[in-house]
Amino acid sequence: SLVLGTVGCLAPIPNTTAPSIPQNQTPATTTPKE
């Protein structure tokens, strides 16, 4: 149980951050119609 608990703590954390925008692109913006 100690070994399995330690292995579980070392498991990688999935990346939940938003995808990054490449530097040569700007984020899309919406302009109001009126």
PDB file of all heavy atoms in Angstrom:
ATOM      1  N   SER A   1       0.832  -1.205   0.000  1.00  0.00           N
ATOM      2  CA  SER A   1       0.000   0.000   0.000  1.00  0.00           C
ATOM      3  C   SER A   1       0.864   1.251   0.000  1.00  0.00           C
ATOM      4  O   SER A   1       0.526   2.247  -0.638  1.00  0.00           O
ATOM      5  CB  SER A   1      -0.971  -0.010   1.170  1.00  0.00           C
ATOM      6  OG  SER A   1      -0.281  -0.005   2.383  1.00  0.00           O
ATOM      7  N   LEU A   2       2.004   1.225   0.708  1.00  0.00           N
ATOM      8  CA  LEU A   2       2.894   2.376   0.693  1.00  0.00           C
ATOM      9  C   LEU A   2       3.490   2.575  -0.692  1.00  0.00           C
ATOM     10  O   LEU A   2       3.571   3.701  -1.188  1.00  0.00           O
ATOM     11  CB  LEU A   2       4.007   2.213   1.730  1.00  0.00           C
ATOM     12  CG  LEU A   2       3.580   2.393   3.187  1.00  0.00           C
ATOM     13  CD1 LEU A   2       4.732   2.051   4.125  1.00  0.00           C
ATOM     14  CD2 LEU A   2       3.130   3.813   3.432  1.00  0.00           C
ATOM     15  N   VAL A   3       3.877   1.495  -1.347  1.00  0.00           N
ATOM     16  CA  VAL A   3       4.474   1.590  -2.687  1.00  0.00           C
ATOM     17  C   VAL A   3       3.441   2.105  -3.680  1.00  0.00           C
ATOM     18  O   VAL A   3       3.712   3.006  -4.474  1.00  0.00           O
ATOM     19  CB  VAL A   3       5.049   0.219  -3.121  1.00  0.00           C
ATOM     20  CG1 VAL A   3       5.434   0.227  -4.601  1.00  0.00           C
ATOM     21  CG2 VAL A   3       6.248  -0.136  -2.281  1.00  0.00           C
ATOM     22  N   LEU A   4       2.254   1.536  -3.644  1.00  0.00           N
ATOM     23  CA  LEU A   4       1.224   1.968  -4.580  1.00  0.00           C
ATOM     24  C   LEU A   4       0.811   3.417  -4.317  1.00  0.00           C
ATOM     25  O   LEU A   4       0.553   4.170  -5.244  1.00  0.00           O
ATOM     26  CB  LEU A   4       0.011   1.045  -4.499  1.00  0.00           C
ATOM     27  CG  LEU A   4       0.230  -0.370  -5.041  1.00  0.00           C
ATOM     28  CD1 LEU A   4      -1.009  -1.211  -4.810  1.00  0.00           C
ATOM     29  CD2 LEU A   4       0.574  -0.333  -6.508  1.00  0.00           C
ATOM     30  N   GLY A   5       0.752   3.816  -3.073  1.00  0.00           N
ATOM     31  CA  GLY A   5       0.415   5.199  -2.737  1.00  0.00           C
ATOM     32  C   GLY A   5       1.464   6.149  -3.248  1.00  0.00           C
ATOM     33  O   GLY A   5       1.166   7.230  -3.747  1.00  0.00           O
ATOM     34  N   THR A   6       2.736   5.772  -3.143  1.00  0.00           N
ATOM     35  CA  THR A   6       3.821   6.630  -3.617  1.00  0.00           C
ATOM     36  C   THR A   6       3.796   6.710  -5.131  1.00  0.00           C
ATOM     37  O   THR A   6       3.967   7.779  -5.703  1.00  0.00           O
ATOM     38  CB  THR A   6       5.183   6.077  -3.139  1.00  0.00           C
ATOM     39  OG1 THR A   6       5.129   5.939  -1.722  1.00  0.00           O
ATOM     40  CG2 THR A   6       6.313   6.998  -3.510  1.00  0.00           C
ATOM     41  N   VAL A   7       3.547   5.598  -5.805  1.00  0.00           N
ATOM     42  CA  VAL A   7       3.498   5.601  -7.263  1.00  0.00           C
ATOM     43  C   VAL A   7       2.334   6.465  -7.740  1.00  0.00           C
ATOM     44  O   VAL A   7       2.461   7.211  -8.701  1.00  0.00           O
ATOM     45  CB  VAL A   7       3.373   4.152  -7.796  1.00  0.00           C
ATOM     46  CG1 VAL A   7       3.071   4.142  -9.281  1.00  0.00           C
ATOM     47  CG2 VAL A   7       4.643   3.386  -7.516  1.00  0.00           C
ATOM     48  N   GLY A   8       1.227   6.367  -7.045  1.00  0.00           N
ATOM     49  CA  GLY A   8       0.072   7.188  -7.419  1.00  0.00           C
ATOM     50  C   GLY A   8       0.363   8.659  -7.285  1.00  0.00           C
ATOM     51  O   GLY A   8      -0.128   9.477  -8.060  1.00  0.00           O
ATOM     52  N   CYS A   9       1.165   9.062  -6.318  1.00  0.00           N
ATOM     53  CA  CYS A   9       1.497  10.474  -6.126  1.00  0.00           C
ATOM     54  C   CYS A   9       2.439  10.962  -7.211  1.00  0.00           C
ATOM     55  O   CYS A   9       2.521  12.150  -7.476  1.00  0.00           O
ATOM     56  CB  CYS A   9       2.145  10.695  -4.757  1.00  0.00           C
ATOM     57  SG  CYS A   9       0.978  10.472  -3.411  1.00  0.00           S
ATOM     58  N   LEU A  10       3.189  10.059  -7.822  1.00  0.00           N
ATOM     59  CA  LEU A  10       4.150  10.456  -8.836  1.00  0.00           C
ATOM     60  C   LEU A  10       3.551  10.432 -10.238  1.00  0.00           C
ATOM     61  O   LEU A  10       4.243  10.710 -11.207  1.00  0.00           O
ATOM     62  CB  LEU A  10       5.369   9.526  -8.792  1.00  0.00           C
ATOM     63  CG  LEU A  10       6.155   9.550  -7.470  1.00  0.00           C
ATOM     64  CD1 LEU A  10       7.275   8.525  -7.520  1.00  0.00           C
ATOM     65  CD2 LEU A  10       6.708  10.921  -7.203  1.00  0.00           C
ATOM     66  N   ALA A  11       2.285  10.109 -10.375  1.00  0.00           N
ATOM     67  CA  ALA A  11       1.653  10.045 -11.687  1.00  0.00           C
ATOM     68  C   ALA A  11       1.620  11.442 -12.295  1.00  0.00           C
ATOM     69  O   ALA A  11       1.438  12.429 -11.594  1.00  0.00           O
ATOM     70  CB  ALA A  11       0.249   9.490 -11.576  1.00  0.00           C
ATOM     71  N   PRO A  12       1.835  11.554 -13.607  1.00  0.00           N
ATOM     72  CA  PRO A  12       1.844  12.880 -14.239  1.00  0.00           C
ATOM     73  C   PRO A  12       0.454  13.513 -14.181  1.00  0.00           C
ATOM     74  O   PRO A  12      -0.563  12.835 -14.280  1.00  0.00           O
ATOM     75  CB  PRO A  12       2.262  12.587 -15.671  1.00  0.00           C
ATOM     76  CG  PRO A  12       1.915  11.156 -15.908  1.00  0.00           C
ATOM     77  CD  PRO A  12       2.038  10.482 -14.569  1.00  0.00           C
ATOM     78  N   ILE A  13       0.409  14.827 -14.034  1.00  0.00           N
ATOM     79  CA  ILE A  13      -0.831  15.586 -13.996  1.00  0.00           C
ATOM     80  C   ILE A  13      -1.136  16.019 -15.425  1.00  0.00           C
ATOM     81  O   ILE A  13      -0.271  16.595 -16.092  1.00  0.00           O
ATOM     82  CB  ILE A  13      -0.700  16.802 -13.069  1.00  0.00           C
ATOM     83  CG1 ILE A  13      -0.387  16.331 -11.648  1.00  0.00           C
ATOM     84  CG2 ILE A  13      -1.950  17.669 -13.113  1.00  0.00           C
ATOM     85  CD1 ILE A  13      -0.070  17.449 -10.701  1.00  0.00           C
ATOM     86  N   PRO A  14      -2.340  15.753 -15.915  1.00  0.00           N
ATOM     87  CA  PRO A  14      -2.644  16.143 -17.289  1.00  0.00           C
ATOM     88  C   PRO A  14      -2.645  17.657 -17.442  1.00  0.00           C
ATOM     89  O   PRO A  14      -2.981  18.394 -16.510  1.00  0.00           O
ATOM     90  CB  PRO A  14      -4.029  15.553 -17.536  1.00  0.00           C
ATOM     91  CG  PRO A  14      -4.599  15.274 -16.201  1.00  0.00           C
ATOM     92  CD  PRO A  14      -3.440  15.082 -15.270  1.00  0.00           C
ATOM     93  N   ASN A  15      -2.289  18.131 -18.626  1.00  0.00           N
ATOM     94  CA  ASN A  15      -2.235  19.565 -18.916  1.00  0.00           C
ATOM     95  C   ASN A  15      -3.654  20.059 -19.176  1.00  0.00           C
ATOM     96  O   ASN A  15      -4.314  19.617 -20.108  1.00  0.00           O
ATOM     97  CB  ASN A  15      -1.349  19.801 -20.139  1.00  0.00           C
ATOM     98  CG  ASN A  15      -1.178  21.282 -20.420  1.00  0.00           C
ATOM     99  OD1 ASN A  15      -1.649  22.112 -19.665  1.00  0.00           O
ATOM    100  ND2 ASN A  15      -0.498  21.593 -21.515  1.00  0.00           N
ATOM    101  N   THR A  16      -4.117  20.974 -18.344  1.00  0.00           N
ATOM    102  CA  THR A  16      -5.473  21.493 -18.501  1.00  0.00           C
ATOM    103  C   THR A  16      -5.475  22.951 -18.908  1.00  0.00           C
ATOM    104  O   THR A  16      -6.488  23.614 -18.858  1.00  0.00           O
ATOM    105  CB  THR A  16      -6.258  21.348 -17.175  1.00  0.00           C
ATOM    106  OG1 THR A  16      -5.545  22.032 -16.161  1.00  0.00           O
ATOM    107  CG2 THR A  16      -6.464  19.891 -16.824  1.00  0.00           C
ATOM    108  N   THR A  17      -4.320  23.491 -19.302  1.00  0.00           N
ATOM    109  CA  THR A  17      -4.269  24.894 -19.697  1.00  0.00           C
ATOM    110  C   THR A  17      -4.771  25.028 -21.120  1.00  0.00           C
ATOM    111  O   THR A  17      -4.736  24.094 -21.909  1.00  0.00           O
ATOM    112  CB  THR A  17      -2.833  25.439 -19.598  1.00  0.00           C
ATOM    113  OG1 THR A  17      -2.005  24.644 -20.444  1.00  0.00           O
ATOM    114  CG2 THR A  17      -2.318  25.383 -18.176  1.00  0.00           C
ATOM    115  N   ALA A  18      -5.225  26.219 -21.473  1.00  0.00           N
ATOM    116  CA  ALA A  18      -5.735  26.477 -22.815  1.00  0.00           C
ATOM    117  C   ALA A  18      -4.585  26.429 -23.807  1.00  0.00           C
ATOM    118  O   ALA A  18      -3.446  26.741 -23.469  1.00  0.00           O
ATOM    119  CB  ALA A  18      -6.407  27.846 -22.842  1.00  0.00           C
ATOM    120  N   PRO A  19      -4.889  26.032 -25.018  1.00  0.00           N
ATOM    121  CA  PRO A  19      -3.818  25.986 -26.021  1.00  0.00           C
ATOM    122  C   PRO A  19      -3.264  27.381 -26.260  1.00  0.00           C
ATOM    123  O   PRO A  19      -3.991  28.359 -26.253  1.00  0.00           O
ATOM    124  CB  PRO A  19      -4.514  25.424 -27.257  1.00  0.00           C
ATOM    125  CG  PRO A  19      -5.966  25.626 -27.044  1.00  0.00           C
ATOM    126  CD  PRO A  19      -6.169  25.649 -25.564  1.00  0.00           C
ATOM    127  N   SER A  20      -1.983  27.469 -26.453  1.00  0.00           N
ATOM    128  CA  SER A  20      -1.351  28.773 -26.650  1.00  0.00           C
ATOM    129  C   SER A  20      -1.467  29.182 -28.112  1.00  0.00           C
ATOM    130  O   SER A  20      -1.553  28.357 -29.007  1.00  0.00           O
ATOM    131  CB  SER A  20       0.114  28.717 -26.222  1.00  0.00           C
ATOM    132  OG  SER A  20       0.798  27.791 -27.033  1.00  0.00           O
ATOM    133  N   ILE A  21      -1.489  30.497 -28.317  1.00  0.00           N
ATOM    134  CA  ILE A  21      -1.592  31.045 -29.665  1.00  0.00           C
ATOM    135  C   ILE A  21      -0.174  31.302 -30.154  1.00  0.00           C
ATOM    136  O   ILE A  21       0.637  31.915 -29.443  1.00  0.00           O
ATOM    137  CB  ILE A  21      -2.399  32.357 -29.642  1.00  0.00           C
ATOM    138  CG1 ILE A  21      -3.803  32.079 -29.117  1.00  0.00           C
ATOM    139  CG2 ILE A  21      -2.426  33.000 -31.016  1.00  0.00           C
ATOM    140  CD1 ILE A  21      -4.619  33.313 -28.874  1.00  0.00           C
ATOM    141  N   PRO A  22       0.149  30.834 -31.341  1.00  0.00           N
ATOM    142  CA  PRO A  22       1.488  31.117 -31.856  1.00  0.00           C
ATOM    143  C   PRO A  22       1.733  32.622 -31.895  1.00  0.00           C
ATOM    144  O   PRO A  22       0.815  33.412 -32.072  1.00  0.00           O
ATOM    145  CB  PRO A  22       1.470  30.522 -33.268  1.00  0.00           C
ATOM    146  CG  PRO A  22       0.337  29.545 -33.269  1.00  0.00           C
ATOM    147  CD  PRO A  22      -0.636  30.029 -32.238  1.00  0.00           C
ATOM    148  N   GLN A  23       2.991  33.018 -31.756  1.00  0.00           N
ATOM    149  CA  GLN A  23       3.327  34.438 -31.637  1.00  0.00           C
ATOM    150  C   GLN A  23       3.025  35.225 -32.893  1.00  0.00           C
ATOM    151  O   GLN A  23       2.793  36.421 -32.830  1.00  0.00           O
ATOM    152  CB  GLN A  23       4.802  34.586 -31.259  1.00  0.00           C
ATOM    153  CG  GLN A  23       5.058  34.150 -29.837  1.00  0.00           C
ATOM    154  CD  GLN A  23       6.478  34.443 -29.410  1.00  0.00           C
ATOM    155  OE1 GLN A  23       7.266  34.983 -30.164  1.00  0.00           O
ATOM    156  NE2 GLN A  23       6.780  34.094 -28.180  1.00  0.00           N
ATOM    157  N   ASN A  24       3.002  34.574 -34.028  1.00  0.00           N
ATOM    158  CA  ASN A  24       2.768  35.329 -35.248  1.00  0.00           C
ATOM    159  C   ASN A  24       1.274  35.501 -35.541  1.00  0.00           C
ATOM    160  O   ASN A  24       0.900  36.077 -36.532  1.00  0.00           O
ATOM    161  CB  ASN A  24       3.463  34.676 -36.438  1.00  0.00           C
ATOM    162  CG  ASN A  24       2.986  33.248 -36.676  1.00  0.00           C
ATOM    163  OD1 ASN A  24       2.237  32.713 -35.865  1.00  0.00           O
ATOM    164  ND2 ASN A  24       3.432  32.653 -37.767  1.00  0.00           N
ATOM    165  N   GLN A  25       0.363  34.978 -34.656  1.00  0.00           N
ATOM    166  CA  GLN A  25      -1.079  35.130 -34.837  1.00  0.00           C
ATOM    167  C   GLN A  25      -1.665  35.932 -33.683  1.00  0.00           C
ATOM    168  O   GLN A  25      -1.162  35.886 -32.567  1.00  0.00           O
ATOM    169  CB  GLN A  25      -1.759  33.763 -34.864  1.00  0.00           C
ATOM    170  CG  GLN A  25      -1.516  32.979 -36.117  1.00  0.00           C
ATOM    171  CD  GLN A  25      -2.311  31.680 -36.088  1.00  0.00           C
ATOM    172  OE1 GLN A  25      -2.897  31.340 -35.082  1.00  0.00           O
ATOM    173  NE2 GLN A  25      -2.306  30.981 -37.211  1.00  0.00           N
ATOM    174  N   THR A  26      -2.729  36.656 -33.962  1.00  0.00           N
ATOM    175  CA  THR A  26      -3.455  37.378 -32.912  1.00  0.00           C
ATOM    176  C   THR A  26      -4.780  36.664 -32.684  1.00  0.00           C
ATOM    177  O   THR A  26      -5.342  36.076 -33.616  1.00  0.00           O
ATOM    178  CB  THR A  26      -3.717  38.845 -33.315  1.00  0.00           C
ATOM    179  OG1 THR A  26      -4.445  38.852 -34.529  1.00  0.00           O
ATOM    180  CG2 THR A  26      -2.420  39.609 -33.468  1.00  0.00           C
ATOM    181  N   PRO A  27      -5.299  36.709 -31.456  1.00  0.00           N
ATOM    182  CA  PRO A  27      -6.568  36.047 -31.203  1.00  0.00           C
ATOM    183  C   PRO A  27      -7.688  36.699 -32.013  1.00  0.00           C
ATOM    184  O   PRO A  27      -7.661  37.900 -32.245  1.00  0.00           O
ATOM    185  CB  PRO A  27      -6.789  36.206 -29.696  1.00  0.00           C
ATOM    186  CG  PRO A  27      -5.868  37.266 -29.258  1.00  0.00           C
ATOM    187  CD  PRO A  27      -4.765  37.352 -30.279  1.00  0.00           C
ATOM    188  N   ALA A  28      -8.659  35.881 -32.422  1.00  0.00           N
ATOM    189  CA  ALA A  28      -9.788  36.401 -33.187  1.00  0.00           C
ATOM    190  C   ALA A  28     -10.667  37.242 -32.277  1.00  0.00           C
ATOM    191  O   ALA A  28     -10.928  36.891 -31.139  1.00  0.00           O
ATOM    192  CB  ALA A  28     -10.599  35.250 -33.779  1.00  0.00           C
ATOM    193  N   THR A  29     -11.106  38.370 -32.770  1.00  0.00           N
ATOM    194  CA  THR A  29     -12.011  39.225 -32.003  1.00  0.00           C
ATOM    195  C   THR A  29     -13.307  39.355 -32.782  1.00  0.00           C
ATOM    196  O   THR A  29     -13.329  39.259 -34.004  1.00  0.00           O
ATOM    197  CB  THR A  29     -11.404  40.621 -31.774  1.00  0.00           C
ATOM    198  OG1 THR A  29     -11.126  41.204 -33.053  1.00  0.00           O
ATOM    199  CG2 THR A  29     -10.148  40.536 -30.940  1.00  0.00           C
ATOM    200  N   THR A  30     -14.380  39.588 -32.035  1.00  0.00           N
ATOM    201  CA  THR A  30     -15.666  39.814 -32.688  1.00  0.00           C
ATOM    202  C   THR A  30     -16.023  41.271 -32.530  1.00  0.00           C
ATOM    203  O   THR A  30     -15.827  41.866 -31.462  1.00  0.00           O
ATOM    204  CB  THR A  30     -16.774  38.944 -32.050  1.00  0.00           C
ATOM    205  OG1 THR A  30     -16.845  39.249 -30.677  1.00  0.00           O
ATOM    206  CG2 THR A  30     -16.490  37.464 -32.253  1.00  0.00           C
ATOM    207  N   THR A  31     -16.519  41.844 -33.566  1.00  0.00           N
ATOM    208  CA  THR A  31     -16.940  43.242 -33.500  1.00  0.00           C
ATOM    209  C   THR A  31     -18.452  43.272 -33.451  1.00  0.00           C
ATOM    210  O   THR A  31     -19.118  42.480 -34.127  1.00  0.00           O
ATOM    211  CB  THR A  31     -16.438  44.023 -34.736  1.00  0.00           C
ATOM    212  OG1 THR A  31     -16.923  43.372 -35.895  1.00  0.00           O
ATOM    213  CG2 THR A  31     -14.921  44.084 -34.763  1.00  0.00           C
ATOM    214  N   PRO A  32     -19.008  44.162 -32.645  1.00  0.00           N
ATOM    215  CA  PRO A  32     -20.470  44.234 -32.600  1.00  0.00           C
ATOM    216  C   PRO A  32     -21.024  44.655 -33.951  1.00  0.00           C
ATOM    217  O   PRO A  32     -20.421  45.456 -34.655  1.00  0.00           O
ATOM    218  CB  PRO A  32     -20.757  45.263 -31.510  1.00  0.00           C
ATOM    219  CG  PRO A  32     -19.490  45.976 -31.264  1.00  0.00           C
ATOM    220  CD  PRO A  32     -18.371  45.123 -31.790  1.00  0.00           C
ATOM    221  N   LYS A  33     -22.166  44.106 -34.315  1.00  0.00           N
ATOM    222  CA  LYS A  33     -22.779  44.418 -35.599  1.00  0.00           C
ATOM    223  C   LYS A  33     -23.291  45.853 -35.617  1.00  0.00           C
ATOM    224  O   LYS A  33     -23.274  46.496 -36.649  1.00  0.00           O
ATOM    225  CB  LYS A  33     -23.895  43.429 -35.891  1.00  0.00           C
ATOM    226  CG  LYS A  33     -23.374  42.014 -36.045  1.00  0.00           C
ATOM    227  CD  LYS A  33     -24.451  41.120 -36.565  1.00  0.00           C
ATOM    228  CE  LYS A  33     -24.111  39.674 -36.505  1.00  0.00           C
ATOM    229  NZ  LYS A  33     -23.119  39.104 -37.280  1.00  0.00           N
ATOM    230  N   GLU A  34     -23.794  46.328 -34.470  1.00  0.00           N
ATOM    231  CA  GLU A  34     -24.275  47.706 -34.387  1.00  0.00           C
ATOM    232  C   GLU A  34     -23.532  48.386 -33.244  1.00  0.00           C
ATOM    233  O   GLU A  34     -23.372  47.810 -32.167  1.00  0.00           O
ATOM    234  CB  GLU A  34     -25.778  47.734 -34.104  1.00  0.00           C
ATOM    235  CG  GLU A  34     -26.614  47.160 -35.218  1.00  0.00           C
ATOM    236  CD  GLU A  34     -28.100  47.200 -34.897  1.00  0.00           C
ATOM    237  OE1 GLU A  34     -28.505  48.018 -34.053  1.00  0.00           O
ATOM    238  OE2 GLU A  34     -28.837  46.416 -35.497  1.00  0.00           O
TER     239      GLU A  34
END
